[in-house]
C-alpha atoms as a PDB file:
ATOM      1  CA  MET A   1      78.675 -52.675 -51.920  1.00  0.00           C
ATOM      2  CA  TYR A   2      81.437 -50.260 -51.061  1.00  0.00           C
ATOM      3  CA  ALA A   3      81.902 -47.193 -48.896  1.00  0.00           C
ATOM      4  CA  ILE A   4      84.230 -44.234 -48.577  1.00  0.00           C
ATOM      5  CA  VAL A   5      85.316 -43.924 -44.945  1.00  0.00           C
ATOM      6  CA  GLU A   6      87.623 -41.515 -43.128  1.00  0.00           C
ATOM      7  CA  ILE A   7      90.177 -43.245 -40.914  1.00  0.00           C
ATOM      8  CA  LEU A   8      92.811 -41.258 -39.002  1.00  0.00           C
ATOM      9  CA  GLY A   9      92.419 -38.244 -41.290  1.00  0.00           C
ATOM     10  CA  GLN A  10      92.646 -40.195 -44.555  1.00  0.00           C
ATOM     11  CA  GLN A  11      89.852 -41.388 -46.864  1.00  0.00           C
ATOM     12  CA  PHE A  12      89.708 -45.004 -48.036  1.00  0.00           C
ATOM     13  CA  LYS A  13      87.404 -46.977 -50.341  1.00  0.00           C
ATOM     14  CA  VAL A  14      86.437 -50.166 -48.477  1.00  0.00           C
ATOM     15  CA  GLU A  15      84.559 -53.326 -49.457  1.00  0.00           C
ATOM     16  CA  ALA A  16      83.501 -56.227 -47.256  1.00  0.00           C
ATOM     17  CA  GLY A  17      86.047 -59.053 -47.194  1.00  0.00           C
ATOM     18  CA  LYS A  18      88.987 -56.917 -48.390  1.00  0.00           C
ATOM     19  CA  LYS A  19      92.164 -56.013 -46.479  1.00  0.00           C
ATOM     20  CA  LEU A  20      93.215 -52.447 -45.799  1.00  0.00           C
ATOM     21  CA  TYR A  21      96.543 -51.019 -44.638  1.00  0.00           C
ATOM     22  CA  ILE A  22      96.322 -47.803 -42.601  1.00  0.00           C
ATOM     23  CA  HIS A  23      98.714 -45.838 -40.391  1.00  0.00           C
ATOM     24  CA  ARG A  24      99.481 -47.568 -37.080  1.00  0.00           C
ATOM     25  CA  MET A  25      96.613 -47.631 -34.580  1.00  0.00           C
ATOM     26  CA  ALA A  26      98.500 -48.095 -31.318  1.00  0.00           C
ATOM     27  CA  GLU A  27      95.338 -48.450 -29.223  1.00  0.00           C
ATOM     28  CA  ALA A  28      93.997 -51.379 -31.309  1.00  0.00           C
ATOM     29  CA  ASP A  29      95.052 -54.869 -30.227  1.00  0.00           C
ATOM     30  CA  ARG A  30      95.483 -57.745 -32.654  1.00  0.00           C
ATOM     31  CA  GLY A  31      92.224 -59.662 -33.081  1.00  0.00           C
ATOM     32  CA  SER A  32      90.027 -56.858 -31.737  1.00  0.00           C
ATOM     33  CA  GLN A  33      87.134 -55.282 -33.630  1.00  0.00           C
ATOM     34  CA  VAL A  34      87.160 -51.613 -34.581  1.00  0.00           C
ATOM     35  CA  GLU A  35      84.219 -49.533 -35.830  1.00  0.00           C
ATOM     36  CA  PHE A  36      84.463 -46.366 -37.899  1.00  0.00           C
ATOM     37  CA  GLU A  37      81.446 -44.055 -38.014  1.00  0.00           C
ATOM     38  CA  LYS A  38      82.833 -41.373 -40.361  1.00  0.00           C
ATOM     39  CA  VAL A  39      81.302 -42.882 -43.514  1.00  0.00           C
ATOM     40  CA  LEU A  40      81.222 -40.261 -46.263  1.00  0.00           C
ATOM     41  CA  LEU A  41      79.587 -42.260 -49.085  1.00  0.00           C
ATOM     42  CA  VAL A  42      77.839 -45.615 -49.450  1.00  0.00           C
ATOM     43  CA  ASP A  43      77.150 -47.384 -52.775  1.00  0.00           C
ATOM     44  CA  ASN A  44      74.685 -50.249 -52.379  1.00  0.00           C
ATOM     45  CA  ASP A  45      74.408 -51.906 -55.836  1.00  0.00           C
ATOM     46  CA  GLY A  46      74.042 -48.625 -57.718  1.00  0.00           C
ATOM     47  CA  LYS A  47      72.074 -46.778 -55.028  1.00  0.00           C
ATOM     48  CA  VAL A  48      74.515 -44.085 -53.894  1.00  0.00           C
ATOM     49  CA  THR A  49      74.059 -42.276 -50.570  1.00  0.00           C
ATOM     50  CA  VAL A  50      76.262 -39.222 -50.060  1.00  0.00           C
ATOM     51  CA  GLY A  51      76.631 -37.806 -46.565  1.00  0.00           C
ATOM     52  CA  ALA A  52      76.556 -34.162 -45.584  1.00  0.00           C
ATOM     53  CA  PRO A  53      79.244 -34.511 -44.204  1.00  0.00           C
ATOM     54  CA  VAL A  54      78.661 -38.134 -43.009  1.00  0.00           C
ATOM     55  CA  VAL A  55      75.980 -40.726 -43.701  1.00  0.00           C
ATOM     56  CA  GLU A  56      73.740 -41.040 -40.633  1.00  0.00           C
ATOM     57  CA  GLY A  57      73.638 -44.507 -39.055  1.00  0.00           C
ATOM     58  CA  ALA A  58      76.357 -45.938 -41.308  1.00  0.00           C
ATOM     59  CA  LYS A  59      79.486 -47.583 -39.948  1.00  0.00           C
ATOM     60  CA  VAL A  60      82.267 -49.902 -41.050  1.00  0.00           C
ATOM     61  CA  VAL A  61      83.182 -52.863 -38.832  1.00  0.00           C
ATOM     62  CA  CYS A  62      86.795 -54.087 -39.110  1.00  0.00           C
ATOM     63  CA  GLU A  63      89.015 -56.647 -37.428  1.00  0.00           C
ATOM     64  CA  VAL A  64      92.658 -55.858 -36.653  1.00  0.00           C
ATOM     65  CA  VAL A  65      94.710 -58.602 -38.313  1.00  0.00           C
ATOM     66  CA  SER A  66      98.243 -57.448 -37.470  1.00  0.00           C
ATOM     67  CA  HIS A  67     100.674 -54.586 -37.042  1.00  0.00           C
ATOM     68  CA  VAL A  68     103.320 -54.539 -39.780  1.00  0.00           C
ATOM     69  CA  ARG A  69     106.005 -52.286 -41.237  1.00  0.00           C
ATOM     70  CA  GLY A  70     105.819 -51.018 -44.792  1.00  0.00           C
ATOM     71  CA  GLU A  71     108.411 -51.111 -47.550  1.00  0.00           C
ATOM     72  CA  LYS A  72     111.550 -49.061 -47.054  1.00  0.00           C
ATOM     73  CA  VAL A  73     111.478 -45.723 -48.850  1.00  0.00           C
ATOM     74  CA  LEU A  74     114.883 -44.206 -49.616  1.00  0.00           C
ATOM     75  CA  VAL A  75     115.181 -40.412 -49.492  1.00  0.00           C
ATOM     76  CA  PHE A  76     118.250 -39.076 -51.316  1.00  0.00           C
ATOM     77  CA  HIS A  77     119.364 -35.436 -51.239  1.00  0.00           C
ATOM     78  CA  LYS A  78     122.125 -34.092 -53.467  1.00  0.00           C
ATOM     79  CA  LYS A  79     123.460 -30.684 -54.426  1.00  0.00           C
ATOM     80  CA  ARG A  80     125.288 -30.829 -57.699  1.00  0.00           C
ATOM     81  CA  ARG A  81     128.945 -29.779 -57.935  1.00  0.00           C
ATOM     82  CA  LYS A  82     129.178 -29.311 -54.164  1.00  0.00           C
ATOM     83  CA  GLY A  83     129.915 -32.857 -52.997  1.00  0.00           C
ATOM     84  CA  TYR A  84     126.831 -32.859 -50.765  1.00  0.00           C
ATOM     85  CA  ARG A  85     124.988 -36.175 -50.678  1.00  0.00           C
ATOM     86  CA  LYS A  86     122.710 -37.492 -47.974  1.00  0.00           C
ATOM     87  CA  MET A  87     120.804 -40.793 -47.904  1.00  0.00           C
ATOM     88  CA  ASN A  88     117.968 -41.422 -45.484  1.00  0.00           C
ATOM     89  CA  GLY A  89     115.515 -44.314 -45.193  1.00  0.00           C
ATOM     90  CA  HIS A  90     112.026 -44.606 -43.727  1.00  0.00           C
ATOM     91  CA  ARG A  91     109.665 -47.505 -42.979  1.00  0.00           C
ATOM     92  CA  GLN A  92     106.083 -46.623 -42.064  1.00  0.00           C
ATOM     93  CA  ASP A  93     104.351 -48.516 -39.254  1.00  0.00           C
ATOM     94  CA  LEU A  94     101.030 -49.874 -40.545  1.00  0.00           C
ATOM     95  CA  THR A  95      97.980 -51.674 -39.198  1.00  0.00           C
ATOM     96  CA  GLU A  96      96.367 -54.353 -41.362  1.00  0.00           C
ATOM     97  CA  LEU A  97      92.551 -54.391 -41.167  1.00  0.00           C
ATOM     98  CA  LEU A  98      90.060 -56.912 -42.510  1.00  0.00           C
ATOM     99  CA  ILE A  99      86.749 -55.303 -43.430  1.00  0.00           C
ATOM    100  CA  LYS A 100      83.999 -57.447 -41.876  1.00  0.00           C
ATOM    101  CA  GLU A 101      80.867 -55.554 -42.933  1.00  0.00           C
ATOM    102  CA  ILE A 102      79.448 -52.210 -43.969  1.00  0.00           C
ATOM    103  CA  VAL A 103      76.333 -51.244 -42.044  1.00  0.00           C
ATOM    104  CA  ALA A 104      74.256 -48.643 -43.904  1.00  0.00           C
END
C-alpha cells in the first residue's frame, strides 16, 4: 500500500515503515506525531483511489525522527575570459519522518 501525499507544497510517494526527508518543519518536535490530510492518491494492493483533488477521509500518520542538514551543494558561477569566479555553498535543513500508517 502506498499513497501520494502533499507536504509543504511538494508531493511525495509514501509507504508504511519507510523514512522520508522533507523541508524543515520548525513547529514539529522530535518524537511527536504529525498527520497529513492532503492525500492525492491511494493504492491499496492494486485498487487505486484518485482524489478530486484529495481523497476524502484519507490521511498519513508520521513520527518526527529528527531534524538534520542535507549534503552541501556547491554553486559555482564563472564568466569566461573576464576573471569572474564566485563559489557559494548551501545546506538544506531537513526533517526526517517515519511513516507509521496510511489511513484510507
